[in-house]
Amino acid sequence: MRVALTIAGSDSSGGAGIQADLKTFQALGVFGMSAVTAVTVQNTQKVFAIQEIRPDIVHDQIVCLFDDFSIHALKIGMVASVALVEAIARALNSIQVLPPVILDPVMISKSGCSLLRPDARTALVNHLFPLARVVTPNLPEAEALLGKTIADVDAMKSAAREIAALGAKMVVVKGGHLGRANATDVLFDGEQFRLLESPRINTPNTHGTGCTFSSAIAAYMARGESFFDAVAHAKVYISGAIENALSLGKGCGPTHHFFDLYRRAGVDVG
C-alpha cells in the first residue's frame, strides 16, 4: 500500500490540518501518517489559541517514521516558527532518498488568525522551498511571498515563475480568491504552464480546502502520478468535496472528504 506523511498542525474542529490531510489520504487510497507541529484551539468560527510542539519532538516524529516505513509522498502544512522550520529541514535533509514533498505555505486562517510568524516566512523559503517538489500558495499567500498584488491570470503565471525561482521545483498558484465565475489555478512545472478551471461552487462551507487540495496532490503523487496529472485529479477531488460540503457548526463548515464513499454507500448527510 502507498504511504503518505503529513507534517502539519492539528485542527480540533476536524476540518483542516492533519485531520483533513489524513481523511484525504484515506479517501484516495493512501495510508496516512502524521508529524504534528502544533495543537490549535479552534472551531468553525475562529482560531483561539496555538500551542507549538517542541522542535525536537517534531524532528523525531519525522525521523522515526522514515526509519520504519517506505514513505511515497510528504505534505507540509502549518509550520509556525523558525525553530520548527529548521527542525523539519534538518529531519528531511537526513533522509537519503526523499519522496515528493508538497508544501502548502499556510499563513493565515480563514478567520484571520496568523499561522506563520513573520520571521518564519524567510526561513520557510530558505529551508523548505528547496526541498519541495510542489508549492501550493493561494493568492494571498503568493502576494505575501512576493510582496506584490496578483490581480489576474497573467499575474498568477508571473507569480508562479517567481516562486519557482525561490527554490520550488513546481508551483500551483490557486486562484479561488480572484472572484471569477470559474476558479482558475495556474500550474507551472519549471518550463510549461497549464490552467485548471472549475465552476465556482456557491457555499460558505470551505474550511480546510487548501489543506485538502495539497494533501490530494500528495496522495496522487504517492500513487505515482505525474505533477500535472496529480494536480488535475486533486482538483476534481476538492471540487467534489466542496460541492458536498457539510453544514456543521456555526461558522465556515468543512468540506466532505468522503463524499464519494458516502454516495456509493447510500448515506445521506443532509
Foldseek 3Di string as FASTA:
>chain_A
DAEEEEEWADDPQQFAIPSLLCLQLVLLPHHYYYQHQWYFDDHQQDTDDIGGDPLVSSLVSLQVDLVPDDHAEYEYEQHADLSNLVSVLVSQVVDPDHHAYEYEDDAAFPNGHGRHDPVCLVSCLVRPQQVHQEYEYEQVVLCVNVVDHQADDVSLVVSQQVSVVSRHQKYKYWQPVNPDQWTWIWIDRNHDIDIDTDGDAPDLADGHLSRSLSSQLRSVVSVPDDNVVSNNVSVVQSVQQQNQFDPDDDHHHHGHSNVVVCVVVVHDPD
